[in-house]
Amino acid sequence: MQDTMPLEEMKTYRGRQEVPEDFDQFWDEQIEKLPSSYNYKLTPQSFNLPNVDCYELTFESPDKSTIYAKCIFPKTESKFPVVFNFHGYMGQSSDWATLLQYPAAGLGVVAMDVRGQSGKSQDKSIYNGNTVKGHIIRGAIEGREKLFFKDVYLDVYELVEIIAGLPQVDDKKLYTYGGSQGGALSLVAAALNPKISFTAVIYPFLSDFKRVLELGNQDEPYDEFFRYFKFSDPFHTTEAQILKTLSYIDIKNMAHCIKNPVKLITGLEDKICFPSTQFAIYNRLECDKEMFLLPEYGHEDMHVHVNDVVLNWLSGSQIALKTQM
């Protein structure tokens, strides 16, 4: 099923549910609980590349999970900008060779493996309830404090703090970029940490869960969300409770917290992260923002032209594109 909402309606659509009254307070409290200093290790990697330094970063989360990231930094006497590059759902960070495009543009890059997915990060949390396939519903029956993605969002916050504190990094030039889950985490980083100064996202995931329920289960990323109701609550007696809990990780609800400029790319044929759920994010952004609509694209690789445009944005090149929103 394609999104059933007309494009003109999407342009003012803000989502099916409002932001919880204590949303900002909840996330402020979560950040206040984090340690004042972080237990991390930055291990050099011997790739014998003349112009870059490569590292493996590991750090410990409050629940004792171990979070892993690749870091590639240009060899320079000056402080350099850094791009936080986040990967899609169930995936892992890009390979070292792919990440080398960033130092070639004068940028450092940090690519975190999301815990419990395909990379090297290790998740040590324990969740009650259905955990057969997906991460969205994990912890939801226990409440917002136990949500899997709550922990991932705090991993992202810690990652930014660690990198911003490195002496070779320009902490006034920290950027985030990713697609799907990576787009969601790019927005999370900007919402939770004011050190982020620019964000580029492609078809962000984890937005407007009530709207997702309306449109139906189209692909694996949201599958366990639907499985919960099918196998645990077929009469949807807990729907209101579950949606309220999930509202604390809903990306559209974080949009008002973002102060840095945002560029968002949406494929209008997207059947996984439906365009209306992406507009719900965009229309709630209160920062400088631009949205670019690709009529022929769904939830798929955006190919060379889009990738080049994004790299130009991140490197500060003045590439001209006509905004559509």
Protein backbone atom coordinates (compact mmCIF):
# COMPACT_ATOMS: atom_id res chain seq x y z
CA MET A 1 0.00 0.00 0.00
CA GLN A 2 1.22 3.47 -0.82
CA ASP A 3 0.51 6.35 1.51
CA THR A 4 -3.17 7.20 1.20
CA MET A 5 -2.82 10.82 2.24
CA PRO A 6 -2.82 13.40 -0.59
CA LEU A 7 0.43 15.34 -0.91
CA GLU A 8 -1.28 18.68 -0.29
CA GLU A 9 -2.61 17.38 3.02
CA MET A 10 0.83 16.06 3.97
CA LYS A 11 2.28 19.55 3.64
CA THR A 12 0.48 20.62 6.82
CA TYR A 13 0.20 17.23 8.55
CA ARG A 14 1.73 17.06 12.06
CA GLY A 15 0.95 13.49 13.10
CA ARG A 16 -1.86 11.64 14.82
CA GLN A 17 -0.86 12.33 18.41
CA GLU A 18 0.47 15.33 20.27
CA VAL A 19 3.72 15.44 22.21
CA PRO A 20 3.34 14.26 25.84
CA GLU A 21 3.33 17.18 28.26
CA ASP A 22 6.33 15.80 30.14
CA PHE A 23 8.30 14.77 27.03
CA ASP A 24 11.11 17.32 27.44
CA GLN A 25 11.29 16.68 31.17
CA PHE A 26 11.59 12.94 30.58
CA TRP A 27 14.56 13.31 28.24
CA ASP A 28 16.22 15.94 30.43
CA GLU A 29 16.02 13.51 33.33
CA GLN A 30 17.44 10.65 31.24
CA ILE A 31 20.44 12.77 30.27
CA GLU A 32 20.95 13.98 33.85
CA LYS A 33 21.27 10.34 34.94
CA LEU A 34 24.24 9.77 32.62
CA PRO A 35 27.72 9.82 34.17
CA SER A 36 29.66 13.07 34.15
CA SER A 37 32.57 11.32 32.42
CA TYR A 38 32.53 8.40 30.00
CA ASN A 39 34.42 5.14 30.15
CA TYR A 40 35.68 4.79 26.58
CA LYS A 41 38.63 3.41 24.64
CA LEU A 42 39.97 4.73 21.34
CA THR A 43 42.13 2.06 19.69
CA PRO A 44 44.32 2.93 16.65
CA GLN A 45 43.96 0.70 13.59
CA SER A 46 46.97 -0.03 11.36
CA PHE A 47 45.72 0.49 7.82
CA ASN A 48 48.89 2.34 6.69
CA LEU A 49 46.90 5.10 5.03
CA PRO A 50 48.97 8.26 4.54
CA ASN A 51 46.40 10.96 5.16
CA VAL A 52 44.02 9.55 7.77
CA ASP A 53 44.02 8.07 11.26
CA CYS A 54 41.63 5.16 11.88
CA TYR A 55 40.34 4.07 15.28
CA GLU A 56 37.90 1.69 16.89
CA LEU A 57 35.94 3.40 19.65
CA THR A 58 34.23 1.43 22.41
CA PHE A 59 32.36 2.87 25.37
CA GLU A 60 30.19 1.55 28.16
CA SER A 61 26.55 2.53 28.50
CA PRO A 62 24.84 2.91 31.92
CA ASP A 63 23.35 -0.60 31.57
CA LYS A 64 26.87 -1.99 30.98
CA SER A 65 26.31 -2.59 27.27
CA THR A 66 29.40 -2.07 25.10
CA ILE A 67 28.91 0.32 22.18
CA TYR A 68 31.24 0.22 19.18
CA ALA A 69 32.01 2.80 16.50
CA LYS A 70 34.49 3.27 13.66
CA CYS A 71 36.32 6.61 13.57
CA ILE A 72 38.31 7.99 10.64
CA PHE A 73 40.02 11.33 11.14
CA PRO A 74 42.04 13.40 8.64
CA LYS A 75 45.69 13.93 9.53
CA THR A 76 45.91 17.66 10.08
CA GLU A 77 47.29 20.15 12.58
CA SER A 78 43.94 21.96 12.66
CA LYS A 79 40.74 20.88 14.37
CA PHE A 80 38.33 19.27 11.94
CA PRO A 81 34.55 18.86 11.56
CA VAL A 82 33.02 15.44 12.23
CA VAL A 83 30.07 13.67 10.61
CA PHE A 84 28.16 11.13 12.70
CA ASN A 85 26.99 8.59 10.12
CA PHE A 86 24.18 6.31 11.37
CA HIS A 87 23.12 3.07 9.68
CA GLY A 88 19.71 1.65 8.79
CA TYR A 89 17.55 -0.79 10.76
CA MET A 90 19.05 -4.24 11.47
CA GLY A 91 22.28 -3.19 9.72
CA GLN A 92 25.71 -2.10 10.82
CA SER A 93 28.04 0.81 10.18
CA SER A 94 29.57 1.22 6.73
CA ASP A 95 32.87 -0.47 5.92
CA TRP A 96 36.11 1.43 6.35
CA ALA A 97 36.56 1.93 2.60
CA THR A 98 33.15 3.57 2.17
CA LEU A 99 33.75 5.88 5.12
CA LEU A 100 37.02 7.15 3.58
CA GLN A 101 35.04 9.53 1.37
CA TYR A 102 34.64 11.85 4.35
CA PRO A 103 38.32 12.56 5.13
CA ALA A 104 38.81 13.20 1.40
CA ALA A 105 36.38 16.10 1.89
CA GLY A 106 38.19 17.33 5.01
CA LEU A 107 35.75 15.69 7.42
CA GLY A 108 36.18 13.21 10.20
CA VAL A 109 33.55 10.50 10.38
CA VAL A 110 32.18 8.41 13.24
CA ALA A 111 29.94 5.43 12.49
CA MET A 112 28.27 3.69 15.44
CA ASP A 113 26.91 0.14 15.41
CA VAL A 114 23.45 0.17 16.99
CA ARG A 115 23.31 -2.29 19.88
CA GLY A 116 21.55 -5.59 19.26
CA GLN A 117 21.76 -5.32 15.47
CA SER A 118 24.35 -6.62 13.00
CA GLY A 119 27.47 -4.83 14.16
CA LYS A 120 29.92 -5.13 17.06
CA SER A 121 27.95 -3.30 19.78
CA GLN A 122 26.72 -5.59 22.55
CA ASP A 123 23.30 -5.16 24.17
CA LYS A 124 23.06 -6.36 27.78
CA SER A 125 19.57 -5.09 28.60
CA ILE A 126 16.74 -7.49 29.51
CA TYR A 127 13.19 -6.95 28.25
CA ASN A 128 9.88 -8.55 29.14
CA GLY A 129 7.32 -9.38 26.48
CA ASN A 130 7.51 -10.07 22.76
CA THR A 131 11.06 -9.84 21.37
CA VAL A 132 10.73 -12.29 18.50
CA LYS A 133 11.76 -10.08 15.59
CA GLY A 134 12.01 -6.35 16.13
CA HIS A 135 13.20 -3.62 18.45
CA ILE A 136 10.39 -1.07 18.41
CA ILE A 137 8.16 -2.90 20.85
CA ARG A 138 10.94 -4.07 23.20
CA GLY A 139 10.27 -2.82 26.72
CA ALA A 140 6.98 -1.14 25.79
CA ILE A 141 4.82 -3.25 28.11
CA GLU A 142 7.11 -2.28 31.01
CA GLY A 143 6.98 1.45 30.28
CA ARG A 144 9.05 4.22 28.77
CA GLU A 145 12.06 3.65 31.06
CA LYS A 146 12.53 0.18 29.58
CA LEU A 147 12.21 0.97 25.86
CA PHE A 148 15.00 -0.47 23.75
CA PHE A 149 15.23 2.66 21.62
CA LYS A 150 15.38 4.86 24.72
CA ASP A 151 18.72 3.18 25.45
CA VAL A 152 19.86 3.55 21.83
CA TYR A 153 19.04 7.27 21.89
CA LEU A 154 21.16 7.68 25.02
CA ASP A 155 23.99 5.75 23.29
CA VAL A 156 23.82 8.37 20.54
CA TYR A 157 23.98 11.21 23.08
CA GLU A 158 27.04 9.67 24.78
CA LEU A 159 28.75 9.13 21.44
CA VAL A 160 28.41 12.81 20.55
CA GLU A 161 29.73 13.87 23.96
CA ILE A 162 32.78 11.61 23.69
CA ILE A 163 33.72 12.76 20.19
CA ALA A 164 33.05 16.43 20.97
CA GLY A 165 35.53 16.15 23.85
CA LEU A 166 38.44 14.91 21.72
CA PRO A 167 41.10 17.64 21.39
CA GLN A 168 41.50 17.26 17.62
CA VAL A 169 37.76 17.70 16.91
CA ASP A 170 36.07 21.03 16.17
CA ASP A 171 33.07 20.76 18.51
CA LYS A 172 31.40 23.71 16.75
CA LYS A 173 31.16 21.68 13.53
CA LEU A 174 29.44 18.40 14.37
CA TYR A 175 27.06 17.02 11.73
CA THR A 176 24.70 14.04 11.56
CA TYR A 177 23.62 12.01 8.56
CA GLY A 178 21.75 8.78 7.87
CA GLY A 179 18.80 7.10 6.18
CA SER A 180 15.81 5.26 7.68
CA GLN A 181 16.84 4.28 11.23
CA GLY A 182 20.00 6.27 10.54
CA GLY A 183 17.87 9.28 9.65
CA ALA A 184 15.94 8.88 12.89
CA LEU A 185 19.13 8.69 14.96
CA SER A 186 20.57 11.70 13.13
CA LEU A 187 17.55 13.69 14.27
CA VAL A 188 17.76 12.22 17.78
CA ALA A 189 21.38 13.35 18.09
CA ALA A 190 20.38 16.89 17.11
CA ALA A 191 17.35 16.91 19.41
CA LEU A 192 19.19 15.69 22.50
CA ASN A 193 22.54 17.40 22.02
CA PRO A 194 22.82 21.08 21.06
CA LYS A 195 26.42 20.52 19.98
CA ILE A 196 25.12 19.25 16.62
CA SER A 197 25.22 22.06 14.07
CA PHE A 198 23.78 20.46 10.89
CA THR A 199 21.65 17.41 10.05
CA ALA A 200 20.94 15.67 6.74
CA VAL A 201 18.41 12.83 6.70
CA ILE A 202 16.83 10.47 4.18
CA TYR A 203 13.41 8.87 4.81
CA PRO A 204 13.58 8.83 8.63
CA PHE A 205 12.14 5.85 10.52
CA LEU A 206 10.34 5.68 13.92
CA SER A 207 7.77 8.41 13.41
CA ASP A 208 4.01 8.72 13.98
CA PHE A 209 3.25 5.21 15.24
CA LYS A 210 -0.52 5.72 15.24
CA ARG A 211 -0.38 6.58 11.53
CA VAL A 212 1.74 3.48 10.91
CA LEU A 213 -0.97 1.33 12.54
CA GLU A 214 -3.57 2.90 10.25
CA LEU A 215 -1.59 2.18 7.08
CA GLY A 216 -0.82 -1.44 7.97
CA ASN A 217 2.18 -3.74 8.08
CA GLN A 218 4.14 -3.41 4.86
CA ASP A 219 7.64 -4.62 5.71
CA GLU A 220 9.87 -6.10 8.38
CA PRO A 221 10.99 -2.93 10.21
CA TYR A 222 7.52 -2.42 11.73
CA ASP A 223 6.58 -6.13 11.76
CA GLU A 224 6.89 -6.74 15.50
CA PHE A 225 4.77 -3.67 16.23
CA PHE A 226 1.92 -5.41 14.42
CA ARG A 227 2.83 -8.84 15.80
CA TYR A 228 2.37 -7.49 19.31
CA PHE A 229 -1.31 -6.75 18.66
CA LYS A 230 -1.90 -9.85 16.56
CA PHE A 231 -0.52 -12.33 19.11
CA SER A 232 -0.61 -10.47 22.45
CA ASP A 233 -3.55 -8.09 22.17
CA PRO A 234 -5.83 -8.86 19.18
CA PHE A 235 -8.60 -6.64 20.59
CA HIS A 236 -6.19 -3.70 20.95
CA THR A 237 -7.16 -3.14 24.58
CA THR A 238 -3.64 -1.84 25.31
CA GLU A 239 -3.26 0.24 22.14
CA ALA A 240 -3.62 3.60 23.88
CA GLN A 241 -1.12 2.59 26.57
CA ILE A 242 1.42 1.23 24.08
CA LEU A 243 1.16 4.29 21.83
CA LYS A 244 1.60 6.60 24.82
CA THR A 245 4.75 4.72 25.84
CA LEU A 246 6.13 4.73 22.30
CA SER A 247 5.44 8.46 22.02
CA TYR A 248 8.61 9.06 24.06
CA ILE A 249 10.73 7.61 21.23
CA ASP A 250 8.61 9.03 18.38
CA ILE A 251 10.87 11.15 16.18
CA LYS A 252 8.16 13.68 15.29
CA ASN A 253 7.89 14.43 19.01
CA MET A 254 11.60 15.32 19.11
CA ALA A 255 11.43 17.72 16.18
CA HIS A 256 10.71 20.83 18.26
CA CYS A 257 13.95 20.26 20.22
CA ILE A 258 16.18 20.60 17.15
CA LYS A 259 17.82 24.01 16.75
CA ASN A 260 20.34 23.37 13.96
CA PRO A 261 19.53 23.43 10.21
CA VAL A 262 17.96 20.26 8.78
CA LYS A 263 17.73 19.00 5.20
CA LEU A 264 15.33 16.10 4.67
CA ILE A 265 14.97 13.92 1.56
CA THR A 266 11.75 11.90 1.09
CA GLY A 267 10.84 9.36 -1.58
CA LEU A 268 7.13 9.69 -2.33
CA GLU A 269 6.89 5.97 -3.19
CA ASP A 270 8.10 4.92 0.27
CA LYS A 271 6.01 2.03 1.63
CA ILE A 272 8.01 1.49 4.83
CA CYS A 273 8.54 4.96 6.28
CA PHE A 274 5.42 6.44 4.73
CA PRO A 275 5.80 10.02 3.46
CA SER A 276 3.06 11.30 5.78
CA THR A 277 5.07 10.10 8.80
CA GLN A 278 8.09 12.00 7.48
CA PHE A 279 6.06 15.15 6.88
CA ALA A 280 4.89 14.85 10.51
CA ILE A 281 8.54 15.32 11.51
CA TYR A 282 9.26 18.08 9.03
CA ASN A 283 6.18 20.12 9.85
CA ARG A 284 7.11 20.12 13.54
CA LEU A 285 10.67 21.33 12.99
CA GLU A 286 11.11 24.88 14.25
CA CYS A 287 14.66 25.33 12.92
CA ASP A 288 15.94 26.32 9.49
CA LYS A 289 14.79 23.47 7.27
CA GLU A 290 14.42 22.27 3.70
CA MET A 291 12.60 19.23 2.31
CA PHE A 292 13.31 17.60 -1.05
CA LEU A 293 10.75 15.23 -2.59
CA LEU A 294 11.77 12.44 -4.99
CA PRO A 295 8.64 11.26 -6.84
CA GLU A 296 10.14 8.07 -8.31
CA TYR A 297 11.86 6.76 -5.18
CA GLY A 298 10.66 4.49 -2.42
CA HIS A 299 12.60 3.12 0.56
CA GLU A 300 15.70 2.24 -1.44
CA ASP A 301 19.23 3.30 -2.25
CA MET A 302 19.19 6.87 -3.53
CA HIS A 303 22.20 6.30 -5.82
CA VAL A 304 24.99 8.55 -6.94
CA HIS A 305 23.33 11.94 -7.47
CA VAL A 306 21.67 12.08 -4.05
CA ASN A 307 24.82 10.83 -2.32
CA ASP A 308 26.88 13.52 -4.02
CA VAL A 309 24.41 16.22 -3.00
CA VAL A 310 24.52 15.12 0.64
CA LEU A 311 28.33 15.02 0.68
CA ASN A 312 28.35 18.53 -0.75
CA TRP A 313 26.02 19.67 2.04
CA LEU A 314 28.22 18.09 4.71
CA SER A 315 31.46 19.47 3.28
CA GLY A 316 30.05 22.97 3.01
CA SER A 317 30.03 23.22 -0.79
CA GLN A 318 27.52 25.68 -2.16
CA ILE A 319 25.52 23.33 -4.34
CA ALA A 320 22.26 24.82 -5.58
CA LEU A 321 19.08 22.79 -5.20
CA LYS A 322 15.61 24.18 -5.29
CA THR A 323 13.82 23.41 -2.05
CA GLN A 324 10.30 22.00 -2.36
CA MET A 325 9.04 22.88 1.11
